[in-house]
Amino acid sequence: MIFNTGSALLDAIVLAVVEHSAEGTYGYKITQDVRSVIDVSESTLYPVLRRLQKDDCLSVYDQECGGRNRRYYKITERGRVQLNLYRQEWHNYTHKINQLLLEQADATIDQGKK
């Protein structure tokens, strides 16, 4: 993707990914799910997870898996509130950008057909 991903957008994407799993999901799976949508490194995502945990948007617990502990993340009520705020802001933002980029382009294309 050629557009920069700001920290708020990255937070929103991570919260949305974690929200999809009711029991929580582990760090590596989160990075894979996020990376399926945007190009971001693991070294970028783990600080995001820690910040969201510090801000009480994610809770963390460890669970044994194959003889090793795996760290799981689960969205909190505060995280859901924050995610809903991000969703509303994203809707407003994309609506304005789409009006500017797409509706003007559609008008230009329509004029070219005449």
PDB file of N, CA and C in Angstrom:
ATOM      1  N   MET A   1       0.846  -1.177   0.000  1.00  0.00           N
ATOM      2  CA  MET A   1       0.000   0.000   0.000  1.00  0.00           C
ATOM      3  C   MET A   1       0.887   1.234   0.000  1.00  0.00           C
ATOM      4  N   ILE A   2       0.549   2.207  -0.804  1.00  0.00           N
ATOM      5  CA  ILE A   2       1.384   3.396  -0.901  1.00  0.00           C
ATOM      6  C   ILE A   2       1.021   4.463   0.117  1.00  0.00           C
ATOM      7  N   PHE A   3      -0.120   4.317   0.789  1.00  0.00           N
ATOM      8  CA  PHE A   3      -0.525   5.302   1.784  1.00  0.00           C
ATOM      9  C   PHE A   3       0.064   4.938   3.143  1.00  0.00           C
ATOM     10  N   ASN A   4       0.497   5.949   3.881  1.00  0.00           N
ATOM     11  CA  ASN A   4       1.053   5.710   5.210  1.00  0.00           C
ATOM     12  C   ASN A   4      -0.035   5.253   6.167  1.00  0.00           C
ATOM     13  N   THR A   5       0.363   4.401   7.099  1.00  0.00           N
ATOM     14  CA  THR A   5      -0.545   3.916   8.125  1.00  0.00           C
ATOM     15  C   THR A   5      -0.187   4.594   9.437  1.00  0.00           C
ATOM     16  N   GLY A   6      -1.040   5.468   9.917  1.00  0.00           N
ATOM     17  CA  GLY A   6      -0.797   6.156  11.171  1.00  0.00           C
ATOM     18  C   GLY A   6      -1.070   5.249  12.358  1.00  0.00           C
ATOM     19  N   SER A   7      -0.655   5.709  13.526  1.00  0.00           N
ATOM     20  CA  SER A   7      -0.796   4.873  14.721  1.00  0.00           C
ATOM     21  C   SER A   7      -2.259   4.625  15.076  1.00  0.00           C
ATOM     22  N   ALA A   8      -3.133   5.596  14.883  1.00  0.00           N
ATOM     23  CA  ALA A   8      -4.549   5.390  15.204  1.00  0.00           C
ATOM     24  C   ALA A   8      -5.156   4.321  14.295  1.00  0.00           C
ATOM     25  N   LEU A   9      -4.813   4.356  13.017  1.00  0.00           N
ATOM     26  CA  LEU A   9      -5.335   3.346  12.094  1.00  0.00           C
ATOM     27  C   LEU A   9      -4.793   1.965  12.457  1.00  0.00           C
ATOM     28  N   LEU A  10      -3.536   1.896  12.803  1.00  0.00           N
ATOM     29  CA  LEU A  10      -2.941   0.626  13.204  1.00  0.00           C
ATOM     30  C   LEU A  10      -3.600   0.100  14.482  1.00  0.00           C
ATOM     31  N   ASP A  11      -3.842   0.978  15.437  1.00  0.00           N
ATOM     32  CA  ASP A  11      -4.546   0.585  16.662  1.00  0.00           C
ATOM     33  C   ASP A  11      -5.930   0.035  16.317  1.00  0.00           C
ATOM     34  N   ALA A  12      -6.639   0.713  15.434  1.00  0.00           N
ATOM     35  CA  ALA A  12      -7.981   0.291  15.049  1.00  0.00           C
ATOM     36  C   ALA A  12      -7.954  -1.087  14.388  1.00  0.00           C
ATOM     37  N   ILE A  13      -7.001  -1.311  13.514  1.00  0.00           N
ATOM     38  CA  ILE A  13      -6.898  -2.599  12.823  1.00  0.00           C
ATOM     39  C   ILE A  13      -6.598  -3.713  13.817  1.00  0.00           C
ATOM     40  N   VAL A  14      -5.665  -3.468  14.739  1.00  0.00           N
ATOM     41  CA  VAL A  14      -5.322  -4.480  15.739  1.00  0.00           C
ATOM     42  C   VAL A  14      -6.529  -4.784  16.624  1.00  0.00           C
ATOM     43  N   LEU A  15      -7.218  -3.757  17.089  1.00  0.00           N
ATOM     44  CA  LEU A  15      -8.396  -3.986  17.916  1.00  0.00           C
ATOM     45  C   LEU A  15      -9.463  -4.779  17.163  1.00  0.00           C
ATOM     46  N   ALA A  16      -9.659  -4.475  15.893  1.00  0.00           N
ATOM     47  CA  ALA A  16     -10.647  -5.203  15.091  1.00  0.00           C
ATOM     48  C   ALA A  16     -10.252  -6.670  14.931  1.00  0.00           C
ATOM     49  N   VAL A  17      -8.976  -6.921  14.711  1.00  0.00           N
ATOM     50  CA  VAL A  17      -8.492  -8.302  14.575  1.00  0.00           C
ATOM     51  C   VAL A  17      -8.713  -9.065  15.875  1.00  0.00           C
ATOM     52  N   VAL A  18      -8.373  -8.452  16.997  1.00  0.00           N
ATOM     53  CA  VAL A  18      -8.521  -9.128  18.291  1.00  0.00           C
ATOM     54  C   VAL A  18     -10.001  -9.330  18.622  1.00  0.00           C
ATOM     55  N   GLU A  19     -10.834  -8.377  18.257  1.00  0.00           N
ATOM     56  CA  GLU A  19     -12.266  -8.489  18.539  1.00  0.00           C
ATOM     57  C   GLU A  19     -12.891  -9.714  17.869  1.00  0.00           C
ATOM     58  N   HIS A  20     -12.361 -10.133  16.737  1.00  0.00           N
ATOM     59  CA  HIS A  20     -12.926 -11.260  15.994  1.00  0.00           C
ATOM     60  C   HIS A  20     -12.825 -12.582  16.740  1.00  0.00           C
ATOM     61  N   SER A  21     -11.945 -12.658  17.727  1.00  0.00           N
ATOM     62  CA  SER A  21     -11.792 -13.896  18.488  1.00  0.00           C
ATOM     63  C   SER A  21     -12.326 -13.695  19.907  1.00  0.00           C
ATOM     64  N   ALA A  22     -13.422 -14.335  20.223  1.00  0.00           N
ATOM     65  CA  ALA A  22     -14.077 -14.152  21.524  1.00  0.00           C
ATOM     66  C   ALA A  22     -13.184 -14.574  22.688  1.00  0.00           C
ATOM     67  N   GLU A  23     -12.397 -15.628  22.500  1.00  0.00           N
ATOM     68  CA  GLU A  23     -11.539 -16.122  23.581  1.00  0.00           C
ATOM     69  C   GLU A  23     -10.185 -15.430  23.613  1.00  0.00           C
ATOM     70  N   GLY A  24      -9.902 -14.611  22.634  1.00  0.00           N
ATOM     71  CA  GLY A  24      -8.602 -13.967  22.532  1.00  0.00           C
ATOM     72  C   GLY A  24      -7.763 -14.648  21.469  1.00  0.00           C
ATOM     73  N   THR A  25      -6.700 -14.007  21.092  1.00  0.00           N
ATOM     74  CA  THR A  25      -5.820 -14.545  20.068  1.00  0.00           C
ATOM     75  C   THR A  25      -4.383 -14.187  20.423  1.00  0.00           C
ATOM     76  N   TYR A  26      -3.450 -14.933  19.915  1.00  0.00           N
ATOM     77  CA  TYR A  26      -2.046 -14.749  20.284  1.00  0.00           C
ATOM     78  C   TYR A  26      -1.314 -13.830  19.307  1.00  0.00           C
ATOM     79  N   GLY A  27      -0.197 -13.318  19.784  1.00  0.00           N
ATOM     80  CA  GLY A  27       0.544 -12.287  19.072  1.00  0.00           C
ATOM     81  C   GLY A  27       0.890 -12.608  17.634  1.00  0.00           C
ATOM     82  N   TYR A  28       1.428 -13.792  17.383  1.00  0.00           N
ATOM     83  CA  TYR A  28       1.832 -14.141  16.023  1.00  0.00           C
ATOM     84  C   TYR A  28       0.630 -14.157  15.085  1.00  0.00           C
ATOM     85  N   LYS A  29      -0.495 -14.699  15.543  1.00  0.00           N
ATOM     86  CA  LYS A  29      -1.715 -14.737  14.721  1.00  0.00           C
ATOM     87  C   LYS A  29      -2.206 -13.323  14.430  1.00  0.00           C
ATOM     88  N   ILE A  30      -2.115 -12.453  15.414  1.00  0.00           N
ATOM     89  CA  ILE A  30      -2.506 -11.053  15.208  1.00  0.00           C
ATOM     90  C   ILE A  30      -1.645 -10.439  14.115  1.00  0.00           C
ATOM     91  N   THR A  31      -0.330 -10.653  14.194  1.00  0.00           N
ATOM     92  CA  THR A  31       0.555 -10.064  13.177  1.00  0.00           C
ATOM     93  C   THR A  31       0.227 -10.605  11.791  1.00  0.00           C
ATOM     94  N   GLN A  32      -0.062 -11.892  11.684  1.00  0.00           N
ATOM     95  CA  GLN A  32      -0.396 -12.473  10.381  1.00  0.00           C
ATOM     96  C   GLN A  32      -1.710 -11.896   9.839  1.00  0.00           C
ATOM     97  N   ASP A  33      -2.704 -11.749  10.722  1.00  0.00           N
ATOM     98  CA  ASP A  33      -3.994 -11.198  10.282  1.00  0.00           C
ATOM     99  C   ASP A  33      -3.858  -9.735   9.861  1.00  0.00           C
ATOM    100  N   VAL A  34      -3.094  -8.965  10.612  1.00  0.00           N
ATOM    101  CA  VAL A  34      -2.878  -7.550  10.255  1.00  0.00           C
ATOM    102  C   VAL A  34      -2.103  -7.470   8.951  1.00  0.00           C
ATOM    103  N   ARG A  35      -1.089  -8.300   8.812  1.00  0.00           N
ATOM    104  CA  ARG A  35      -0.254  -8.268   7.602  1.00  0.00           C
ATOM    105  C   ARG A  35      -1.009  -8.721   6.360  1.00  0.00           C
ATOM    106  N   SER A  36      -2.132  -9.402   6.532  1.00  0.00           N
ATOM    107  CA  SER A  36      -2.935  -9.779   5.363  1.00  0.00           C
ATOM    108  C   SER A  36      -3.674  -8.566   4.800  1.00  0.00           C
ATOM    109  N   VAL A  37      -3.725  -7.491   5.585  1.00  0.00           N
ATOM    110  CA  VAL A  37      -4.438  -6.281   5.175  1.00  0.00           C
ATOM    111  C   VAL A  37      -3.476  -5.154   4.821  1.00  0.00           C
ATOM    112  N   ILE A  38      -2.438  -4.979   5.635  1.00  0.00           N
ATOM    113  CA  ILE A  38      -1.464  -3.920   5.398  1.00  0.00           C
ATOM    114  C   ILE A  38      -0.058  -4.471   5.585  1.00  0.00           C
ATOM    115  N   ASP A  39       0.891  -3.837   4.958  1.00  0.00           N
ATOM    116  CA  ASP A  39       2.283  -4.260   5.049  1.00  0.00           C
ATOM    117  C   ASP A  39       2.916  -3.617   6.283  1.00  0.00           C
ATOM    118  N   VAL A  40       3.128  -4.433   7.312  1.00  0.00           N
ATOM    119  CA  VAL A  40       3.700  -3.935   8.554  1.00  0.00           C
ATOM    120  C   VAL A  40       4.544  -5.050   9.163  1.00  0.00           C
ATOM    121  N   SER A  41       5.616  -4.666   9.833  1.00  0.00           N
ATOM    122  CA  SER A  41       6.517  -5.665  10.409  1.00  0.00           C
ATOM    123  C   SER A  41       6.069  -6.068  11.808  1.00  0.00           C
ATOM    124  N   GLU A  42       6.530  -7.246  12.242  1.00  0.00           N
ATOM    125  CA  GLU A  42       6.248  -7.695  13.604  1.00  0.00           C
ATOM    126  C   GLU A  42       6.809  -6.702  14.612  1.00  0.00           C
ATOM    127  N   SER A  43       7.971  -6.155  14.316  1.00  0.00           N
ATOM    128  CA  SER A  43       8.602  -5.222  15.255  1.00  0.00           C
ATOM    129  C   SER A  43       7.783  -3.946  15.415  1.00  0.00           C
ATOM    130  N   THR A  44       6.917  -3.655  14.478  1.00  0.00           N
ATOM    131  CA  THR A  44       6.009  -2.516  14.595  1.00  0.00           C
ATOM    132  C   THR A  44       4.783  -2.890  15.421  1.00  0.00           C
ATOM    133  N   LEU A  45       4.307  -4.117  15.276  1.00  0.00           N
ATOM    134  CA  LEU A  45       3.052  -4.509  15.913  1.00  0.00           C
ATOM    135  C   LEU A  45       3.169  -4.794  17.407  1.00  0.00           C
ATOM    136  N   TYR A  46       4.269  -5.370  17.846  1.00  0.00           N
ATOM    137  CA  TYR A  46       4.357  -5.709  19.270  1.00  0.00           C
ATOM    138  C   TYR A  46       4.322  -4.474  20.175  1.00  0.00           C
ATOM    139  N   PRO A  47       4.955  -3.360  19.810  1.00  0.00           N
ATOM    140  CA  PRO A  47       4.766  -2.144  20.623  1.00  0.00           C
ATOM    141  C   PRO A  47       3.320  -1.646  20.621  1.00  0.00           C
ATOM    142  N   VAL A  48       2.600  -1.844  19.527  1.00  0.00           N
ATOM    143  CA  VAL A  48       1.180  -1.469  19.462  1.00  0.00           C
ATOM    144  C   VAL A  48       0.395  -2.316  20.459  1.00  0.00           C
ATOM    145  N   LEU A  49       0.657  -3.616  20.484  1.00  0.00           N
ATOM    146  CA  LEU A  49      -0.017  -4.498  21.436  1.00  0.00           C
ATOM    147  C   LEU A  49       0.267  -4.074  22.879  1.00  0.00           C
ATOM    148  N   ARG A  50       1.519  -3.750  23.169  1.00  0.00           N
ATOM    149  CA  ARG A  50       1.878  -3.313  24.529  1.00  0.00           C
ATOM    150  C   ARG A  50       1.187  -2.000  24.889  1.00  0.00           C
ATOM    151  N   ARG A  51       1.138  -1.059  23.936  1.00  0.00           N
ATOM    152  CA  ARG A  51       0.483   0.219  24.201  1.00  0.00           C
ATOM    153  C   ARG A  51      -1.013   0.036  24.437  1.00  0.00           C
ATOM    154  N   LEU A  52      -1.660  -0.796  23.629  1.00  0.00           N
ATOM    155  CA  LEU A  52      -3.084  -1.050  23.801  1.00  0.00           C
ATOM    156  C   LEU A  52      -3.356  -1.752  25.133  1.00  0.00           C
ATOM    157  N   GLN A  53      -2.434  -2.602  25.548  1.00  0.00           N
ATOM    158  CA  GLN A  53      -2.573  -3.244  26.855  1.00  0.00           C
ATOM    159  C   GLN A  53      -2.422  -2.199  27.964  1.00  0.00           C
ATOM    160  N   LYS A  54      -1.430  -1.342  27.839  1.00  0.00           N
ATOM    161  CA  LYS A  54      -1.192  -0.298  28.836  1.00  0.00           C
ATOM    162  C   LYS A  54      -2.397   0.645  28.939  1.00  0.00           C
ATOM    163  N   ASP A  55      -3.048   0.914  27.803  1.00  0.00           N
ATOM    164  CA  ASP A  55      -4.211   1.802  27.769  1.00  0.00           C
ATOM    165  C   ASP A  55      -5.501   1.079  28.163  1.00  0.00           C
ATOM    166  N   ASP A  56      -5.387  -0.170  28.600  1.00  0.00           N
ATOM    167  CA  ASP A  56      -6.521  -0.984  29.048  1.00  0.00           C
ATOM    168  C   ASP A  56      -7.515  -1.278  27.922  1.00  0.00           C
ATOM    169  N   CYS A  57      -7.024  -1.323  26.690  1.00  0.00           N
ATOM    170  CA  CYS A  57      -7.865  -1.704  25.558  1.00  0.00           C
ATOM    171  C   CYS A  57      -7.762  -3.197  25.281  1.00  0.00           C
ATOM    172  N   LEU A  58      -6.671  -3.806  25.754  1.00  0.00           N
ATOM    173  CA  LEU A  58      -6.468  -5.242  25.616  1.00  0.00           C
ATOM    174  C   LEU A  58      -6.084  -5.822  26.967  1.00  0.00           C
ATOM    175  N   SER A  59      -6.575  -7.009  27.257  1.00  0.00           N
ATOM    176  CA  SER A  59      -6.087  -7.762  28.413  1.00  0.00           C
ATOM    177  C   SER A  59      -5.192  -8.869  27.872  1.00  0.00           C
ATOM    178  N   VAL A  60      -4.309  -9.359  28.729  1.00  0.00           N
ATOM    179  CA  VAL A  60      -3.314 -10.344  28.299  1.00  0.00           C
ATOM    180  C   VAL A  60      -3.322 -11.521  29.267  1.00  0.00           C
ATOM    181  N   TYR A  61      -3.202 -12.703  28.715  1.00  0.00           N
ATOM    182  CA  TYR A  61      -3.010 -13.884  29.556  1.00  0.00           C
ATOM    183  C   TYR A  61      -2.118 -14.869  28.804  1.00  0.00           C
ATOM    184  N   ASP A  62      -1.413 -15.705  29.564  1.00  0.00           N
ATOM    185  CA  ASP A  62      -0.537 -16.718  28.979  1.00  0.00           C
ATOM    186  C   ASP A  62      -1.208 -18.074  29.070  1.00  0.00           C
ATOM    187  N   GLN A  63      -0.980 -18.875  28.042  1.00  0.00           N
ATOM    188  CA  GLN A  63      -1.542 -20.225  28.019  1.00  0.00           C
ATOM    189  C   GLN A  63      -0.503 -21.156  27.419  1.00  0.00           C
ATOM    190  N   GLU A  64      -0.377 -22.337  27.999  1.00  0.00           N
ATOM    191  CA  GLU A  64       0.584 -23.316  27.511  1.00  0.00           C
ATOM    192  C   GLU A  64       0.101 -23.905  26.192  1.00  0.00           C
ATOM    193  N   CYS A  65       1.024 -24.003  25.252  1.00  0.00           N
ATOM    194  CA  CYS A  65       0.710 -24.566  23.939  1.00  0.00           C
ATOM    195  C   CYS A  65       1.950 -25.309  23.449  1.00  0.00           C
ATOM    196  N   GLY A  66       1.857 -26.628  23.377  1.00  0.00           N
ATOM    197  CA  GLY A  66       2.977 -27.414  22.886  1.00  0.00           C
ATOM    198  C   GLY A  66       4.219 -27.303  23.762  1.00  0.00           C
ATOM    199  N   GLY A  67       4.018 -27.217  25.055  1.00  0.00           N
ATOM    200  CA  GLY A  67       5.148 -27.129  25.975  1.00  0.00           C
ATOM    201  C   GLY A  67       5.710 -25.728  26.162  1.00  0.00           C
ATOM    202  N   ARG A  68       5.132 -24.755  25.492  1.00  0.00           N
ATOM    203  CA  ARG A  68       5.601 -23.368  25.607  1.00  0.00           C
ATOM    204  C   ARG A  68       4.420 -22.475  25.965  1.00  0.00           C
ATOM    205  N   ASN A  69       4.733 -21.381  26.612  1.00  0.00           N
ATOM    206  CA  ASN A  69       3.682 -20.402  26.904  1.00  0.00           C
ATOM    207  C   ASN A  69       3.448 -19.533  25.685  1.00  0.00           C
ATOM    208  N   ARG A  70       2.193 -19.275  25.432  1.00  0.00           N
ATOM    209  CA  ARG A  70       1.799 -18.396  24.334  1.00  0.00           C
ATOM    210  C   ARG A  70       1.008 -17.247  24.956  1.00  0.00           C
ATOM    211  N   ARG A  71       1.340 -16.017  24.569  1.00  0.00           N
ATOM    212  CA  ARG A  71       0.649 -14.847  25.105  1.00  0.00           C
ATOM    213  C   ARG A  71      -0.572 -14.539  24.252  1.00  0.00           C
ATOM    214  N   TYR A  72      -1.715 -14.483  24.906  1.00  0.00           N
ATOM    215  CA  TYR A  72      -2.986 -14.203  24.248  1.00  0.00           C
ATOM    216  C   TYR A  72      -3.468 -12.801  24.608  1.00  0.00           C
ATOM    217  N   TYR A  73      -4.133 -12.180  23.657  1.00  0.00           N
ATOM    218  CA  TYR A  73      -4.688 -10.839  23.826  1.00  0.00           C
ATOM    219  C   TYR A  73      -6.189 -10.910  23.626  1.00  0.00           C
ATOM    220  N   LYS A  74      -6.912 -10.197  24.476  1.00  0.00           N
ATOM    221  CA  LYS A  74      -8.370 -10.169  24.397  1.00  0.00           C
ATOM    222  C   LYS A  74      -8.811  -8.712  24.528  1.00  0.00           C
ATOM    223  N   ILE A  75      -9.792  -8.325  23.731  1.00  0.00           N
ATOM    224  CA  ILE A  75     -10.265  -6.937  23.775  1.00  0.00           C
ATOM    225  C   ILE A  75     -11.064  -6.715  25.065  1.00  0.00           C
ATOM    226  N   THR A  76     -10.879  -5.569  25.673  1.00  0.00           N
ATOM    227  CA  THR A  76     -11.608  -5.202  26.888  1.00  0.00           C
ATOM    228  C   THR A  76     -12.808  -4.332  26.513  1.00  0.00           C
ATOM    229  N   GLU A  77     -13.632  -4.027  27.499  1.00  0.00           N
ATOM    230  CA  GLU A  77     -14.766  -3.136  27.241  1.00  0.00           C
ATOM    231  C   GLU A  77     -14.269  -1.761  26.779  1.00  0.00           C
ATOM    232  N   ARG A  78     -13.216  -1.284  27.402  1.00  0.00           N
ATOM    233  CA  ARG A  78     -12.632  -0.007  26.975  1.00  0.00           C
ATOM    234  C   ARG A  78     -12.116  -0.097  25.538  1.00  0.00           C
ATOM    235  N   GLY A  79     -11.565  -1.238  25.179  1.00  0.00           N
ATOM    236  CA  GLY A  79     -11.097  -1.457  23.809  1.00  0.00           C
ATOM    237  C   GLY A  79     -12.237  -1.444  22.815  1.00  0.00           C
ATOM    238  N   ARG A  80     -13.380  -2.011  23.197  1.00  0.00           N
ATOM    239  CA  ARG A  80     -14.560  -1.997  22.323  1.00  0.00           C
ATOM    240  C   ARG A  80     -15.070  -0.574  22.105  1.00  0.00           C
ATOM    241  N   VAL A  81     -15.080   0.198  23.186  1.00  0.00           N
ATOM    242  CA  VAL A  81     -15.504   1.597  23.070  1.00  0.00           C
ATOM    243  C   VAL A  81     -14.562   2.342  22.125  1.00  0.00           C
ATOM    244  N   GLN A  82     -13.260   2.132  22.303  1.00  0.00           N
ATOM    245  CA  GLN A  82     -12.273   2.795  21.450  1.00  0.00           C
ATOM    246  C   GLN A  82     -12.420   2.346  19.997  1.00  0.00           C
ATOM    247  N   LEU A  83     -12.634   1.052  19.784  1.00  0.00           N
ATOM    248  CA  LEU A  83     -12.799   0.528  18.430  1.00  0.00           C
ATOM    249  C   LEU A  83     -14.034   1.127  17.768  1.00  0.00           C
ATOM    250  N   ASN A  84     -15.124   1.256  18.513  1.00  0.00           N
ATOM    251  CA  ASN A  84     -16.328   1.877  17.943  1.00  0.00           C
ATOM    252  C   ASN A  84     -16.084   3.337  17.573  1.00  0.00           C
ATOM    253  N   LEU A  85     -15.309   4.038  18.386  1.00  0.00           N
ATOM    254  CA  LEU A  85     -14.929   5.410  18.053  1.00  0.00           C
ATOM    255  C   LEU A  85     -14.098   5.432  16.767  1.00  0.00           C
ATOM    256  N   TYR A  86     -13.129   4.531  16.666  1.00  0.00           N
ATOM    257  CA  TYR A  86     -12.321   4.434  15.440  1.00  0.00           C
ATOM    258  C   TYR A  86     -13.191   4.130  14.231  1.00  0.00           C
ATOM    259  N   ARG A  87     -14.152   3.243  14.396  1.00  0.00           N
ATOM    260  CA  ARG A  87     -15.035   2.894  13.270  1.00  0.00           C
ATOM    261  C   ARG A  87     -15.833   4.103  12.794  1.00  0.00           C
ATOM    262  N   GLN A  88     -16.354   4.866  13.732  1.00  0.00           N
ATOM    263  CA  GLN A  88     -17.113   6.063  13.358  1.00  0.00           C
ATOM    264  C   GLN A  88     -16.217   7.079  12.659  1.00  0.00           C
ATOM    265  N   GLU A  89     -15.023   7.295  13.205  1.00  0.00           N
ATOM    266  CA  GLU A  89     -14.077   8.228  12.589  1.00  0.00           C
ATOM    267  C   GLU A  89     -13.666   7.741  11.199  1.00  0.00           C
ATOM    268  N   TRP A  90     -13.442   6.433  11.059  1.00  0.00           N
ATOM    269  CA  TRP A  90     -13.062   5.866   9.764  1.00  0.00           C
ATOM    270  C   TRP A  90     -14.183   6.075   8.745  1.00  0.00           C
ATOM    271  N   HIS A  91     -15.409   5.846   9.166  1.00  0.00           N
ATOM    272  CA  HIS A  91     -16.555   6.051   8.274  1.00  0.00           C
ATOM    273  C   HIS A  91     -16.592   7.506   7.790  1.00  0.00           C
ATOM    274  N   ASN A  92     -16.475   8.451   8.708  1.00  0.00           N
ATOM    275  CA  ASN A  92     -16.505   9.869   8.336  1.00  0.00           C
ATOM    276  C   ASN A  92     -15.340  10.226   7.417  1.00  0.00           C
ATOM    277  N   TYR A  93     -14.164   9.751   7.757  1.00  0.00           N
ATOM    278  CA  TYR A  93     -12.951  10.046   6.985  1.00  0.00           C
ATOM    279  C   TYR A  93     -13.057   9.484   5.565  1.00  0.00           C
ATOM    280  N   THR A  94     -13.404   8.201   5.459  1.00  0.00           N
ATOM    281  CA  THR A  94     -13.458   7.591   4.127  1.00  0.00           C
ATOM    282  C   THR A  94     -14.582   8.187   3.285  1.00  0.00           C
ATOM    283  N   HIS A  95     -15.676   8.572   3.917  1.00  0.00           N
ATOM    284  CA  HIS A  95     -16.768   9.209   3.175  1.00  0.00           C
ATOM    285  C   HIS A  95     -16.272  10.503   2.520  1.00  0.00           C
ATOM    286  N   LYS A  96     -15.563  11.322   3.286  1.00  0.00           N
ATOM    287  CA  LYS A  96     -15.041  12.591   2.743  1.00  0.00           C
ATOM    288  C   LYS A  96     -14.005  12.349   1.652  1.00  0.00           C
ATOM    289  N   ILE A  97     -13.105  11.403   1.874  1.00  0.00           N
ATOM    290  CA  ILE A  97     -12.069  11.100   0.876  1.00  0.00           C
ATOM    291  C   ILE A  97     -12.723  10.530  -0.389  1.00  0.00           C
ATOM    292  N   ASN A  98     -13.673   9.630  -0.217  1.00  0.00           N
ATOM    293  CA  ASN A  98     -14.357   9.058  -1.382  1.00  0.00           C
ATOM    294  C   ASN A  98     -15.085  10.124  -2.187  1.00  0.00           C
ATOM    295  N   GLN A  99     -15.694  11.069  -1.496  1.00  0.00           N
ATOM    296  CA  GLN A  99     -16.355  12.165  -2.209  1.00  0.00           C
ATOM    297  C   GLN A  99     -15.345  12.924  -3.058  1.00  0.00           C
ATOM    298  N   LEU A 100     -14.220  13.209  -2.484  1.00  0.00           N
ATOM    299  CA  LEU A 100     -13.211  13.977  -3.191  1.00  0.00           C
ATOM    300  C   LEU A 100     -12.568  13.193  -4.332  1.00  0.00           C
ATOM    301  N   LEU A 101     -12.152  11.977  -4.053  1.00  0.00           N
ATOM    302  CA  LEU A 101     -11.415  11.204  -5.052  1.00  0.00           C
ATOM    303  C   LEU A 101     -12.311  10.499  -6.064  1.00  0.00           C
ATOM    304  N   LEU A 102     -13.376   9.895  -5.601  1.00  0.00           N
ATOM    305  CA  LEU A 102     -14.158   9.022  -6.475  1.00  0.00           C
ATOM    306  C   LEU A 102     -15.299   9.722  -7.172  1.00  0.00           C
ATOM    307  N   GLU A 103     -16.038  10.555  -6.472  1.00  0.00           N
ATOM    308  CA  GLU A 103     -17.183  11.195  -7.113  1.00  0.00           C
ATOM    309  C   GLU A 103     -16.738  12.166  -8.195  1.00  0.00           C
ATOM    310  N   GLN A 104     -15.645  12.876  -7.962  1.00  0.00           N
ATOM    311  CA  GLN A 104     -15.130  13.765  -9.012  1.00  0.00           C
ATOM    312  C   GLN A 104     -14.605  12.951 -10.181  1.00  0.00           C
ATOM    313  N   ALA A 105     -13.986  11.808  -9.880  1.00  0.00           N
ATOM    314  CA  ALA A 105     -13.491  10.944 -10.950  1.00  0.00           C
ATOM    315  C   ALA A 105     -14.659  10.374 -11.745  1.00  0.00           C
ATOM    316  N   ASP A 106     -15.725   9.984 -11.061  1.00  0.00           N
ATOM    317  CA  ASP A 106     -16.911   9.471 -11.751  1.00  0.00           C
ATOM    318  C   ASP A 106     -17.505  10.528 -12.670  1.00  0.00           C
ATOM    319  N   ALA A 107     -17.555  11.773 -12.210  1.00  0.00           N
ATOM    320  CA  ALA A 107     -18.091  12.857 -13.026  1.00  0.00           C
ATOM    321  C   ALA A 107     -17.217  13.059 -14.275  1.00  0.00           C
ATOM    322  N   THR A 108     -15.913  12.992 -14.093  1.00  0.00           N
ATOM    323  CA  THR A 108     -14.984  13.148 -15.211  1.00  0.00           C
ATOM    324  C   THR A 108     -15.170  12.021 -16.221  1.00  0.00           C
ATOM    325  N   ILE A 109     -15.312  10.803 -15.742  1.00  0.00           N
ATOM    326  CA  ILE A 109     -15.525   9.646 -16.613  1.00  0.00           C
ATOM    327  C   ILE A 109     -16.838   9.793 -17.356  1.00  0.00           C
ATOM    328  N   ASP A 110     -17.888  10.208 -16.644  1.00  0.00           N
ATOM    329  CA  ASP A 110     -19.200  10.411 -17.282  1.00  0.00           C
ATOM    330  C   ASP A 110     -19.129  11.477 -18.382  1.00  0.00           C
ATOM    331  N   GLN A 111     -18.380  12.550 -18.144  1.00  0.00           N
ATOM    332  CA  GLN A 111     -18.240  13.602 -19.160  1.00  0.00           C
ATOM    333  C   GLN A 111     -17.510  13.082 -20.379  1.00  0.00           C
ATOM    334  N   GLY A 112     -16.562  12.180 -20.164  1.00  0.00           N
ATOM    335  CA  GLY A 112     -15.804  11.605 -21.277  1.00  0.00           C
ATOM    336  C   GLY A 112     -16.639  10.695 -22.145  1.00  0.00           C
ATOM    337  N   LYS A 113     -17.712  10.155 -21.597  1.00  0.00           N
ATOM    338  CA  LYS A 113     -18.587   9.238 -22.351  1.00  0.00           C
ATOM    339  C   LYS A 113     -19.542   9.988 -23.261  1.00  0.00           C
ATOM    340  N   LYS A 114     -19.737  11.276 -23.012  1.00  0.00           N
ATOM    341  CA  LYS A 114     -20.694  12.052 -23.800  1.00  0.00           C
ATOM    342  C   LYS A 114     -20.123  12.486 -25.120  1.00  0.00           C
TER     343      LYS A 114
END
